[in-house]
mmCIF file of all heavy atoms, coordinates in Angstrom:
data_MODEL
# 
_entry.id   MODEL 
# 
loop_
_atom_site.group_PDB 
_atom_site.id 
_atom_site.type_symbol 
_atom_site.label_atom_id 
_atom_site.label_alt_id 
_atom_site.label_comp_id 
_atom_site.label_asym_id 
_atom_site.label_entity_id 
_atom_site.label_seq_id 
_atom_site.pdbx_PDB_ins_code 
_atom_site.Cartn_x 
_atom_site.Cartn_y 
_atom_site.Cartn_z 
_atom_site.occupancy 
_atom_site.B_iso_or_equiv 
_atom_site.pdbx_formal_charge 
_atom_site.auth_seq_id 
_atom_site.auth_comp_id 
_atom_site.auth_asym_id 
_atom_site.auth_atom_id 
_atom_site.pdbx_PDB_model_num 
ATOM 1   N N   . THR A 1 1  ? 0.875  -1.128 0.022   1.00 0.00 ? 1  THR A N   1 
ATOM 2   C CA  . THR A 1 1  ? 0.050  0.019  0.010   1.00 0.00 ? 1  THR A CA  1 
ATOM 3   C C   . THR A 1 1  ? 0.834  1.273  0.054   1.00 0.00 ? 1  THR A C   1 
ATOM 4   O O   . THR A 1 1  ? 0.357  2.272  0.245   1.00 0.00 ? 1  THR A O   1 
ATOM 5   C CB  . THR A 1 1  ? -0.907 0.103  1.297   1.00 0.00 ? 1  THR A CB  1 
ATOM 6   O OG1 . THR A 1 1  ? -0.186 -0.024 2.331   1.00 0.00 ? 1  THR A OG1 1 
ATOM 7   C CG2 . THR A 1 1  ? -1.918 -1.208 1.218   1.00 0.00 ? 1  THR A CG2 1 
ATOM 8   N N   . THR A 1 2  ? 2.112  1.071  -0.216  1.00 0.00 ? 2  THR A N   1 
ATOM 9   C CA  . THR A 1 2  ? 3.069  2.162  -0.205  1.00 0.00 ? 2  THR A CA  1 
ATOM 10  C C   . THR A 1 2  ? 3.901  2.265  -1.499  1.00 0.00 ? 2  THR A C   1 
ATOM 11  O O   . THR A 1 2  ? 4.485  3.240  -1.879  1.00 0.00 ? 2  THR A O   1 
ATOM 12  C CB  . THR A 1 2  ? 4.043  2.123  0.862   1.00 0.00 ? 2  THR A CB  1 
ATOM 13  O OG1 . THR A 1 2  ? 4.841  0.886  0.739   1.00 0.00 ? 2  THR A OG1 1 
ATOM 14  C CG2 . THR A 1 2  ? 3.346  2.084  2.250   1.00 0.00 ? 2  THR A CG2 1 
ATOM 15  N N   . GLY A 1 3  ? 3.994  1.224  -2.281  1.00 0.00 ? 3  GLY A N   1 
ATOM 16  C CA  . GLY A 1 3  ? 4.764  1.097  -3.456  1.00 0.00 ? 3  GLY A CA  1 
ATOM 17  C C   . GLY A 1 3  ? 6.202  0.610  -3.211  1.00 0.00 ? 3  GLY A C   1 
ATOM 18  O O   . GLY A 1 3  ? 7.024  0.445  -4.081  1.00 0.00 ? 3  GLY A O   1 
ATOM 19  N N   . ALA A 1 4  ? 6.564  0.527  -2.021  1.00 0.00 ? 4  ALA A N   1 
ATOM 20  C CA  . ALA A 1 4  ? 7.930  0.085  -1.704  1.00 0.00 ? 4  ALA A CA  1 
ATOM 21  C C   . ALA A 1 4  ? 8.165  -1.349 -2.019  1.00 0.00 ? 4  ALA A C   1 
ATOM 22  O O   . ALA A 1 4  ? 7.279  -2.152 -1.764  1.00 0.00 ? 4  ALA A O   1 
ATOM 23  C CB  . ALA A 1 4  ? 8.217  0.439  -0.150  1.00 0.00 ? 4  ALA A CB  1 
ATOM 24  N N   . ASP A 1 5  ? 9.405  -1.614 -2.539  1.00 0.00 ? 5  ASP A N   1 
ATOM 25  C CA  . ASP A 1 5  ? 9.826  -3.063 -2.760  1.00 0.00 ? 5  ASP A CA  1 
ATOM 26  C C   . ASP A 1 5  ? 11.343 -3.042 -2.963  1.00 0.00 ? 5  ASP A C   1 
ATOM 27  O O   . ASP A 1 5  ? 11.714 -2.128 -3.950  1.00 0.00 ? 5  ASP A O   1 
ATOM 28  C CB  . ASP A 1 5  ? 9.013  -3.617 -4.041  1.00 0.00 ? 5  ASP A CB  1 
ATOM 29  C CG  . ASP A 1 5  ? 9.347  -5.077 -4.211  1.00 0.00 ? 5  ASP A CG  1 
ATOM 30  O OD1 . ASP A 1 5  ? 10.461 -5.421 -4.635  1.00 0.00 ? 5  ASP A OD1 1 
ATOM 31  O OD2 . ASP A 1 5  ? 8.430  -5.915 -3.855  1.00 0.00 ? 5  ASP A OD2 1 
ATOM 32  N N   . PRO A 1 6  ? 12.066 -3.692 -2.331  1.00 0.00 ? 6  PRO A N   1 
ATOM 33  C CA  . PRO A 1 6  ? 13.606 -3.699 -2.620  1.00 0.00 ? 6  PRO A CA  1 
ATOM 34  C C   . PRO A 1 6  ? 13.926 -4.197 -3.975  1.00 0.00 ? 6  PRO A C   1 
ATOM 35  O O   . PRO A 1 6  ? 14.992 -3.752 -4.312  1.00 0.00 ? 6  PRO A O   1 
ATOM 36  C CB  . PRO A 1 6  ? 13.923 -4.786 -1.554  1.00 0.00 ? 6  PRO A CB  1 
ATOM 37  C CG  . PRO A 1 6  ? 13.070 -4.744 -0.439  1.00 0.00 ? 6  PRO A CG  1 
ATOM 38  C CD  . PRO A 1 6  ? 11.635 -4.683 -1.191  1.00 0.00 ? 6  PRO A CD  1 
ATOM 39  N N   . THR A 1 7  ? 13.118 -5.009 -4.583  1.00 0.00 ? 7  THR A N   1 
ATOM 40  C CA  . THR A 1 7  ? 13.499 -5.378 -6.036  1.00 0.00 ? 7  THR A CA  1 
ATOM 41  C C   . THR A 1 7  ? 13.102 -4.362 -7.002  1.00 0.00 ? 7  THR A C   1 
ATOM 42  O O   . THR A 1 7  ? 13.970 -3.966 -7.805  1.00 0.00 ? 7  THR A O   1 
ATOM 43  C CB  . THR A 1 7  ? 12.692 -6.697 -6.268  1.00 0.00 ? 7  THR A CB  1 
ATOM 44  O OG1 . THR A 1 7  ? 13.092 -7.615 -5.402  1.00 0.00 ? 7  THR A OG1 1 
ATOM 45  C CG2 . THR A 1 7  ? 13.188 -7.224 -7.638  1.00 0.00 ? 7  THR A CG2 1 
ATOM 46  N N   . GLN A 1 8  ? 11.818 -3.935 -7.013  1.00 0.00 ? 8  GLN A N   1 
ATOM 47  C CA  . GLN A 1 8  ? 11.348 -2.885 -8.029  1.00 0.00 ? 8  GLN A CA  1 
ATOM 48  C C   . GLN A 1 8  ? 10.232 -2.224 -7.346  1.00 0.00 ? 8  GLN A C   1 
ATOM 49  O O   . GLN A 1 8  ? 9.028  -2.682 -7.561  1.00 0.00 ? 8  GLN A O   1 
ATOM 50  C CB  . GLN A 1 8  ? 11.107 -3.685 -9.327  1.00 0.00 ? 8  GLN A CB  1 
ATOM 51  C CG  . GLN A 1 8  ? 10.575 -2.555 -10.422 1.00 0.00 ? 8  GLN A CG  1 
ATOM 52  C CD  . GLN A 1 8  ? 11.674 -1.685 -10.741 1.00 0.00 ? 8  GLN A CD  1 
ATOM 53  O OE1 . GLN A 1 8  ? 12.804 -1.895 -11.294 1.00 0.00 ? 8  GLN A OE1 1 
ATOM 54  N NE2 . GLN A 1 8  ? 11.426 -0.291 -10.342 1.00 0.00 ? 8  GLN A NE2 1 
ATOM 55  N N   . PRO A 1 9  ? 10.367 -0.924 -7.015  1.00 0.00 ? 9  PRO A N   1 
ATOM 56  C CA  . PRO A 1 9  ? 9.129  -0.173 -6.445  1.00 0.00 ? 9  PRO A CA  1 
ATOM 57  C C   . PRO A 1 9  ? 8.350  0.159  -7.563  1.00 0.00 ? 9  PRO A C   1 
ATOM 58  O O   . PRO A 1 9  ? 8.740  0.457  -8.667  1.00 0.00 ? 9  PRO A O   1 
ATOM 59  C CB  . PRO A 1 9  ? 9.781  0.957  -5.735  1.00 0.00 ? 9  PRO A CB  1 
ATOM 60  C CG  . PRO A 1 9  ? 11.071 1.127  -6.309  1.00 0.00 ? 9  PRO A CG  1 
ATOM 61  C CD  . PRO A 1 9  ? 11.593 -0.300 -6.757  1.00 0.00 ? 9  PRO A CD  1 
ATOM 62  N N   . GLY A 1 10 ? 7.103  0.444  -7.375  1.00 0.00 ? 10 GLY A N   1 
ATOM 63  C CA  . GLY A 1 10 ? 6.046  0.898  -8.405  1.00 0.00 ? 10 GLY A CA  1 
ATOM 64  C C   . GLY A 1 10 ? 4.764  1.275  -7.782  1.00 0.00 ? 10 GLY A C   1 
ATOM 65  O O   . GLY A 1 10 ? 4.556  1.139  -6.757  1.00 0.00 ? 10 GLY A O   1 
ATOM 66  N N   . ALA A 1 11 ? 3.940  1.848  -8.667  1.00 0.00 ? 11 ALA A N   1 
ATOM 67  C CA  . ALA A 1 11 ? 2.569  2.256  -8.212  1.00 0.00 ? 11 ALA A CA  1 
ATOM 68  C C   . ALA A 1 11 ? 1.380  2.123  -9.282  1.00 0.00 ? 11 ALA A C   1 
ATOM 69  O O   . ALA A 1 11 ? 0.552  1.238  -9.104  1.00 0.00 ? 11 ALA A O   1 
ATOM 70  C CB  . ALA A 1 11 ? 2.571  3.692  -7.681  1.00 0.00 ? 11 ALA A CB  1 
ATOM 71  N N   . LEU A 1 12 ? 1.651  2.905  -10.426 1.00 0.00 ? 12 LEU A N   1 
ATOM 72  C CA  . LEU A 1 12 ? 0.488  2.895  -11.354 1.00 0.00 ? 12 LEU A CA  1 
ATOM 73  C C   . LEU A 1 12 ? 0.629  1.715  -12.378 1.00 0.00 ? 12 LEU A C   1 
ATOM 74  O O   . LEU A 1 12 ? -0.488 1.302  -12.901 1.00 0.00 ? 12 LEU A O   1 
ATOM 75  C CB  . LEU A 1 12 ? 0.425  4.249  -12.053 1.00 0.00 ? 12 LEU A CB  1 
ATOM 76  C CG  . LEU A 1 12 ? 0.270  5.424  -11.055 1.00 0.00 ? 12 LEU A CG  1 
ATOM 77  C CD1 . LEU A 1 12 ? 0.195  6.699  -11.920 1.00 0.00 ? 12 LEU A CD1 1 
ATOM 78  C CD2 . LEU A 1 12 ? -1.006 5.330  -10.264 1.00 0.00 ? 12 LEU A CD2 1 
ATOM 79  N N   . GLY A 1 13 ? 1.713  1.242  -12.807 1.00 0.00 ? 13 GLY A N   1 
ATOM 80  C CA  . GLY A 1 13 ? 1.800  0.123  -13.771 1.00 0.00 ? 13 GLY A CA  1 
ATOM 81  C C   . GLY A 1 13 ? 1.356  0.474  -15.069 1.00 0.00 ? 13 GLY A C   1 
ATOM 82  O O   . GLY A 1 13 ? 0.884  -0.295 -15.875 1.00 0.00 ? 13 GLY A O   1 
ATOM 83  N N   . MET A 1 14 ? 1.620  1.706  -15.580 1.00 0.00 ? 14 MET A N   1 
ATOM 84  C CA  . MET A 1 14 ? 1.265  2.164  -16.840 1.00 0.00 ? 14 MET A CA  1 
ATOM 85  C C   . MET A 1 14 ? 2.172  1.866  -17.965 1.00 0.00 ? 14 MET A C   1 
ATOM 86  O O   . MET A 1 14 ? 1.904  2.222  -19.173 1.00 0.00 ? 14 MET A O   1 
ATOM 87  C CB  . MET A 1 14 ? 0.952  3.744  -16.822 1.00 0.00 ? 14 MET A CB  1 
ATOM 88  C CG  . MET A 1 14 ? -0.330 4.054  -15.876 1.00 0.00 ? 14 MET A CG  1 
ATOM 89  S SD  . MET A 1 14 ? -0.592 5.793  -15.676 1.00 0.00 ? 14 MET A SD  1 
ATOM 90  C CE  . MET A 1 14 ? -1.076 6.199  -17.279 1.00 0.00 ? 14 MET A CE  1 
ATOM 91  N N   . GLY A 1 15 ? 3.407  1.398  -17.699 1.00 0.00 ? 15 GLY A N   1 
ATOM 92  C CA  . GLY A 1 15 ? 4.306  1.128  -18.833 1.00 0.00 ? 15 GLY A CA  1 
ATOM 93  C C   . GLY A 1 15 ? 5.265  2.179  -19.040 1.00 0.00 ? 15 GLY A C   1 
ATOM 94  O O   . GLY A 1 15 ? 5.068  3.353  -18.707 1.00 0.00 ? 15 GLY A O   1 
ATOM 95  N N   . GLN A 1 16 ? 6.397  1.844  -19.871 1.00 0.00 ? 16 GLN A N   1 
ATOM 96  C CA  . GLN A 1 16 ? 7.380  2.766  -20.153 1.00 0.00 ? 16 GLN A CA  1 
ATOM 97  C C   . GLN A 1 16 ? 6.997  3.986  -21.041 1.00 0.00 ? 16 GLN A C   1 
ATOM 98  O O   . GLN A 1 16 ? 7.399  5.206  -20.818 1.00 0.00 ? 16 GLN A O   1 
ATOM 99  C CB  . GLN A 1 16 ? 8.559  2.134  -20.829 1.00 0.00 ? 16 GLN A CB  1 
ATOM 100 C CG  . GLN A 1 16 ? 9.699  3.029  -21.234 1.00 0.00 ? 16 GLN A CG  1 
ATOM 101 C CD  . GLN A 1 16 ? 11.010 2.210  -21.772 1.00 0.00 ? 16 GLN A CD  1 
ATOM 102 O OE1 . GLN A 1 16 ? 10.996 0.990  -21.672 1.00 0.00 ? 16 GLN A OE1 1 
ATOM 103 N NE2 . GLN A 1 16 ? 11.921 2.989  -22.103 1.00 0.00 ? 16 GLN A NE2 1 
ATOM 104 N N   . ARG A 1 17 ? 6.055  3.717  -22.039 1.00 0.00 ? 17 ARG A N   1 
ATOM 105 C CA  . ARG A 1 17 ? 5.725  4.813  -22.982 1.00 0.00 ? 17 ARG A CA  1 
ATOM 106 C C   . ARG A 1 17 ? 4.928  5.868  -22.230 1.00 0.00 ? 17 ARG A C   1 
ATOM 107 O O   . ARG A 1 17 ? 5.082  7.051  -22.454 1.00 0.00 ? 17 ARG A O   1 
ATOM 108 C CB  . ARG A 1 17 ? 4.900  4.146  -24.135 1.00 0.00 ? 17 ARG A CB  1 
ATOM 109 C CG  . ARG A 1 17 ? 4.794  5.021  -25.283 1.00 0.00 ? 17 ARG A CG  1 
ATOM 110 C CD  . ARG A 1 17 ? 4.384  4.197  -26.644 1.00 0.00 ? 17 ARG A CD  1 
ATOM 111 N NE  . ARG A 1 17 ? 5.516  3.517  -27.220 1.00 0.00 ? 17 ARG A NE  1 
ATOM 112 C CZ  . ARG A 1 17 ? 5.410  2.670  -28.200 1.00 0.00 ? 17 ARG A CZ  1 
ATOM 113 N NH1 . ARG A 1 17 ? 4.241  2.399  -28.716 1.00 0.00 ? 17 ARG A NH1 1 
ATOM 114 N NH2 . ARG A 1 17 ? 6.479  2.179  -28.692 1.00 0.00 ? 17 ARG A NH2 1 
ATOM 115 N N   . ALA A 1 18 ? 4.088  5.299  -21.345 1.00 0.00 ? 18 ALA A N   1 
ATOM 116 C CA  . ALA A 1 18 ? 3.204  6.275  -20.580 1.00 0.00 ? 18 ALA A CA  1 
ATOM 117 C C   . ALA A 1 18 ? 4.076  7.166  -19.654 1.00 0.00 ? 18 ALA A C   1 
ATOM 118 O O   . ALA A 1 18 ? 3.920  8.293  -19.468 1.00 0.00 ? 18 ALA A O   1 
ATOM 119 C CB  . ALA A 1 18 ? 2.125  5.587  -19.730 1.00 0.00 ? 18 ALA A CB  1 
ATOM 120 N N   . SER A 1 19 ? 5.009  6.455  -18.937 1.00 0.00 ? 19 SER A N   1 
ATOM 121 C CA  . SER A 1 19 ? 5.870  7.121  -18.033 1.00 0.00 ? 19 SER A CA  1 
ATOM 122 C C   . SER A 1 19 ? 6.748  8.166  -18.799 1.00 0.00 ? 19 SER A C   1 
ATOM 123 O O   . SER A 1 19 ? 6.990  9.221  -18.262 1.00 0.00 ? 19 SER A O   1 
ATOM 124 C CB  . SER A 1 19 ? 6.706  6.125  -17.229 1.00 0.00 ? 19 SER A CB  1 
ATOM 125 O OG  . SER A 1 19 ? 7.796  5.636  -18.102 1.00 0.00 ? 19 SER A OG  1 
ATOM 126 N N   . THR A 1 20 ? 7.292  7.765  -19.889 1.00 0.00 ? 20 THR A N   1 
ATOM 127 C CA  . THR A 1 20 ? 8.125  8.705  -20.716 1.00 0.00 ? 20 THR A CA  1 
ATOM 128 C C   . THR A 1 20 ? 7.216  9.905  -21.015 1.00 0.00 ? 20 THR A C   1 
ATOM 129 O O   . THR A 1 20 ? 7.696  11.129 -21.020 1.00 0.00 ? 20 THR A O   1 
ATOM 130 C CB  . THR A 1 20 ? 8.713  7.989  -22.011 1.00 0.00 ? 20 THR A CB  1 
ATOM 131 O OG1 . THR A 1 20 ? 9.490  6.863  -21.638 1.00 0.00 ? 20 THR A OG1 1 
ATOM 132 C CG2 . THR A 1 20 ? 9.429  9.062  -22.839 1.00 0.00 ? 20 THR A CG2 1 
ATOM 133 N N   . GLY A 1 21 ? 6.062  9.587  -21.591 1.00 0.00 ? 21 GLY A N   1 
ATOM 134 C CA  . GLY A 1 21 ? 5.166  10.744 -22.054 1.00 0.00 ? 21 GLY A CA  1 
ATOM 135 C C   . GLY A 1 21 ? 4.818  11.755 -20.871 1.00 0.00 ? 21 GLY A C   1 
ATOM 136 O O   . GLY A 1 21 ? 4.876  12.985 -21.020 1.00 0.00 ? 21 GLY A O   1 
ATOM 137 N N   . ILE A 1 22 ? 4.526  11.126 -19.742 1.00 0.00 ? 22 ILE A N   1 
ATOM 138 C CA  . ILE A 1 22 ? 4.148  11.983 -18.524 1.00 0.00 ? 22 ILE A CA  1 
ATOM 139 C C   . ILE A 1 22 ? 5.269  12.795 -17.966 1.00 0.00 ? 22 ILE A C   1 
ATOM 140 O O   . ILE A 1 22 ? 5.215  13.998 -17.710 1.00 0.00 ? 22 ILE A O   1 
ATOM 141 C CB  . ILE A 1 22 ? 3.440  11.161 -17.498 1.00 0.00 ? 22 ILE A CB  1 
ATOM 142 C CG1 . ILE A 1 22 ? 2.122  10.672 -17.980 1.00 0.00 ? 22 ILE A CG1 1 
ATOM 143 C CG2 . ILE A 1 22 ? 3.158  12.084 -16.259 1.00 0.00 ? 22 ILE A CG2 1 
ATOM 144 C CD1 . ILE A 1 22 ? 1.430  9.706  -17.104 1.00 0.00 ? 22 ILE A CD1 1 
ATOM 145 N N   . THR A 1 23 ? 6.488  12.146 -17.972 1.00 0.00 ? 23 THR A N   1 
ATOM 146 C CA  . THR A 1 23 ? 7.663  12.825 -17.375 1.00 0.00 ? 23 THR A CA  1 
ATOM 147 C C   . THR A 1 23 ? 8.163  13.855 -18.403 1.00 0.00 ? 23 THR A C   1 
ATOM 148 O O   . THR A 1 23 ? 8.605  14.954 -18.004 1.00 0.00 ? 23 THR A O   1 
ATOM 149 C CB  . THR A 1 23 ? 8.761  11.795 -17.016 1.00 0.00 ? 23 THR A CB  1 
ATOM 150 O OG1 . THR A 1 23 ? 8.999  10.945 -18.195 1.00 0.00 ? 23 THR A OG1 1 
ATOM 151 C CG2 . THR A 1 23 ? 8.365  10.941 -15.822 1.00 0.00 ? 23 THR A CG2 1 
ATOM 152 N N   . ILE A 1 24 ? 8.040  13.636 -19.719 1.00 0.00 ? 24 ILE A N   1 
ATOM 153 C CA  . ILE A 1 24 ? 8.473  14.666 -20.592 1.00 0.00 ? 24 ILE A CA  1 
ATOM 154 C C   . ILE A 1 24 ? 7.474  15.888 -20.497 1.00 0.00 ? 24 ILE A C   1 
ATOM 155 O O   . ILE A 1 24 ? 7.825  17.007 -20.682 1.00 0.00 ? 24 ILE A O   1 
ATOM 156 C CB  . ILE A 1 24 ? 8.528  14.087 -22.070 1.00 0.00 ? 24 ILE A CB  1 
ATOM 157 C CG1 . ILE A 1 24 ? 9.741  13.208 -22.265 1.00 0.00 ? 24 ILE A CG1 1 
ATOM 158 C CG2 . ILE A 1 24 ? 8.469  15.136 -23.081 1.00 0.00 ? 24 ILE A CG2 1 
ATOM 159 C CD1 . ILE A 1 24 ? 9.891  12.552 -23.591 1.00 0.00 ? 24 ILE A CD1 1 
ATOM 160 N N   . PHE A 1 25 ? 6.191  15.608 -20.327 1.00 0.00 ? 25 PHE A N   1 
ATOM 161 C CA  . PHE A 1 25 ? 5.216  16.595 -20.156 1.00 0.00 ? 25 PHE A CA  1 
ATOM 162 C C   . PHE A 1 25 ? 5.546  17.463 -18.975 1.00 0.00 ? 25 PHE A C   1 
ATOM 163 O O   . PHE A 1 25 ? 5.377  18.708 -19.015 1.00 0.00 ? 25 PHE A O   1 
ATOM 164 C CB  . PHE A 1 25 ? 3.758  16.165 -20.105 1.00 0.00 ? 25 PHE A CB  1 
ATOM 165 C CG  . PHE A 1 25 ? 2.695  17.184 -19.570 1.00 0.00 ? 25 PHE A CG  1 
ATOM 166 C CD1 . PHE A 1 25 ? 2.321  18.152 -20.366 1.00 0.00 ? 25 PHE A CD1 1 
ATOM 167 C CD2 . PHE A 1 25 ? 2.281  17.073 -18.243 1.00 0.00 ? 25 PHE A CD2 1 
ATOM 168 C CE1 . PHE A 1 25 ? 1.456  19.126 -19.947 1.00 0.00 ? 25 PHE A CE1 1 
ATOM 169 C CE2 . PHE A 1 25 ? 1.466  18.073 -17.783 1.00 0.00 ? 25 PHE A CE2 1 
ATOM 170 C CZ  . PHE A 1 25 ? 1.107  19.079 -18.645 1.00 0.00 ? 25 PHE A CZ  1 
ATOM 171 N N   . ASN A 1 26 ? 5.827  16.699 -17.918 1.00 0.00 ? 26 ASN A N   1 
ATOM 172 C CA  . ASN A 1 26 ? 6.408  17.402 -16.755 1.00 0.00 ? 26 ASN A CA  1 
ATOM 173 C C   . ASN A 1 26 ? 7.431  18.402 -16.949 1.00 0.00 ? 26 ASN A C   1 
ATOM 174 O O   . ASN A 1 26 ? 7.442  19.591 -16.607 1.00 0.00 ? 26 ASN A O   1 
ATOM 175 C CB  . ASN A 1 26 ? 6.736  16.444 -15.594 1.00 0.00 ? 26 ASN A CB  1 
ATOM 176 C CG  . ASN A 1 26 ? 7.218  17.030 -14.332 1.00 0.00 ? 26 ASN A CG  1 
ATOM 177 O OD1 . ASN A 1 26 ? 6.648  17.924 -13.719 1.00 0.00 ? 26 ASN A OD1 1 
ATOM 178 N ND2 . ASN A 1 26 ? 8.433  16.776 -14.050 1.00 0.00 ? 26 ASN A ND2 1 
ATOM 179 N N   . GLN A 1 27 ? 8.504  17.872 -17.581 1.00 0.00 ? 27 GLN A N   1 
ATOM 180 C CA  . GLN A 1 27 ? 9.531  18.744 -17.914 1.00 0.00 ? 27 GLN A CA  1 
ATOM 181 C C   . GLN A 1 27 ? 9.235  19.880 -18.853 1.00 0.00 ? 27 GLN A C   1 
ATOM 182 O O   . GLN A 1 27 ? 9.693  21.047 -18.612 1.00 0.00 ? 27 GLN A O   1 
ATOM 183 C CB  . GLN A 1 27 ? 10.735 17.894 -18.690 1.00 0.00 ? 27 GLN A CB  1 
ATOM 184 C CG  . GLN A 1 27 ? 12.063 18.544 -18.873 1.00 0.00 ? 27 GLN A CG  1 
ATOM 185 C CD  . GLN A 1 27 ? 13.097 17.711 -19.476 1.00 0.00 ? 27 GLN A CD  1 
ATOM 186 O OE1 . GLN A 1 27 ? 12.733 16.747 -20.247 1.00 0.00 ? 27 GLN A OE1 1 
ATOM 187 N NE2 . GLN A 1 27 ? 14.373 18.066 -19.198 1.00 0.00 ? 27 GLN A NE2 1 
ATOM 188 N N   . PHE A 1 28 ? 8.430  19.673 -19.869 1.00 0.00 ? 28 PHE A N   1 
ATOM 189 C CA  . PHE A 1 28 ? 7.918  20.736 -20.813 1.00 0.00 ? 28 PHE A CA  1 
ATOM 190 C C   . PHE A 1 28 ? 7.234  21.814 -19.875 1.00 0.00 ? 28 PHE A C   1 
ATOM 191 O O   . PHE A 1 28 ? 7.474  22.861 -20.074 1.00 0.00 ? 28 PHE A O   1 
ATOM 192 C CB  . PHE A 1 28 ? 7.098  20.139 -21.899 1.00 0.00 ? 28 PHE A CB  1 
ATOM 193 C CG  . PHE A 1 28 ? 6.524  21.299 -22.622 1.00 0.00 ? 28 PHE A CG  1 
ATOM 194 C CD1 . PHE A 1 28 ? 7.117  21.707 -23.826 1.00 0.00 ? 28 PHE A CD1 1 
ATOM 195 C CD2 . PHE A 1 28 ? 5.071  21.715 -22.380 1.00 0.00 ? 28 PHE A CD2 1 
ATOM 196 C CE1 . PHE A 1 28 ? 6.597  22.731 -24.557 1.00 0.00 ? 28 PHE A CE1 1 
ATOM 197 C CE2 . PHE A 1 28 ? 4.512  22.602 -23.136 1.00 0.00 ? 28 PHE A CE2 1 
ATOM 198 C CZ  . PHE A 1 28 ? 5.236  23.305 -24.180 1.00 0.00 ? 28 PHE A CZ  1 
ATOM 199 N N   . TRP A 1 29 ? 6.323  21.390 -19.090 1.00 0.00 ? 29 TRP A N   1 
ATOM 200 C CA  . TRP A 1 29 ? 5.494  22.257 -18.260 1.00 0.00 ? 29 TRP A CA  1 
ATOM 201 C C   . TRP A 1 29 ? 6.373  23.121 -17.391 1.00 0.00 ? 29 TRP A C   1 
ATOM 202 O O   . TRP A 1 29 ? 6.196  24.337 -17.224 1.00 0.00 ? 29 TRP A O   1 
ATOM 203 C CB  . TRP A 1 29 ? 4.454  21.509 -17.623 1.00 0.00 ? 29 TRP A CB  1 
ATOM 204 C CG  . TRP A 1 29 ? 3.462  22.262 -16.870 1.00 0.00 ? 29 TRP A CG  1 
ATOM 205 C CD1 . TRP A 1 29 ? 3.354  22.303 -15.500 1.00 0.00 ? 29 TRP A CD1 1 
ATOM 206 C CD2 . TRP A 1 29 ? 2.585  23.222 -17.289 1.00 0.00 ? 29 TRP A CD2 1 
ATOM 207 N NE1 . TRP A 1 29 ? 2.300  23.225 -15.091 1.00 0.00 ? 29 TRP A NE1 1 
ATOM 208 C CE2 . TRP A 1 29 ? 1.789  23.755 -16.142 1.00 0.00 ? 29 TRP A CE2 1 
ATOM 209 C CE3 . TRP A 1 29 ? 2.128  23.548 -18.604 1.00 0.00 ? 29 TRP A CE3 1 
ATOM 210 C CZ2 . TRP A 1 29 ? 0.751  24.645 -16.267 1.00 0.00 ? 29 TRP A CZ2 1 
ATOM 211 C CZ3 . TRP A 1 29 ? 1.124  24.548 -18.663 1.00 0.00 ? 29 TRP A CZ3 1 
ATOM 212 C CH2 . TRP A 1 29 ? 0.431  24.970 -17.542 1.00 0.00 ? 29 TRP A CH2 1 
# 
């Protein structure tokens, strides 16, 4: 319920393309 995991933390599970798109939008904004 926190997303913590010593192997691979995560939360939304939307995939690499979505993460790249949102993080690039964040940088642009």
